[in-house]
Amino acid sequence: MSVTQQYLLDTYRAAQRHEPTPPAPGSHDWQAVREVRDYGRFRAVVAERPAHGRFRAALVRFVRGARLSRGAAARTPRPLP
């Protein structure tokens, strides 16, 4: 069952029971993303790690590593036949 079908079924049930309709799918996605981010920052502070810039630093390390490994492979001489 898709998300849309489940939403329509829940809306129908709410109408039959004279209850308020549930929120549409995706209406609270950004709030959930913010809460997950804030929880990650909280856990970092509790573990005594830096709370800001961890994702960007990891991304920079990943990109630099990919550049270095690709560059080293391009400079490796090929064996003679």
Foldseek 3Di string as FASTA:
>chain_A
DDLVVVLVVQQVVCVVVVHDRDDRPPPCVVVVVVVVLVVQLVVCVVVVHHSPDPVVVVVVVVVVVVVVVVVVVVPDDDDDD
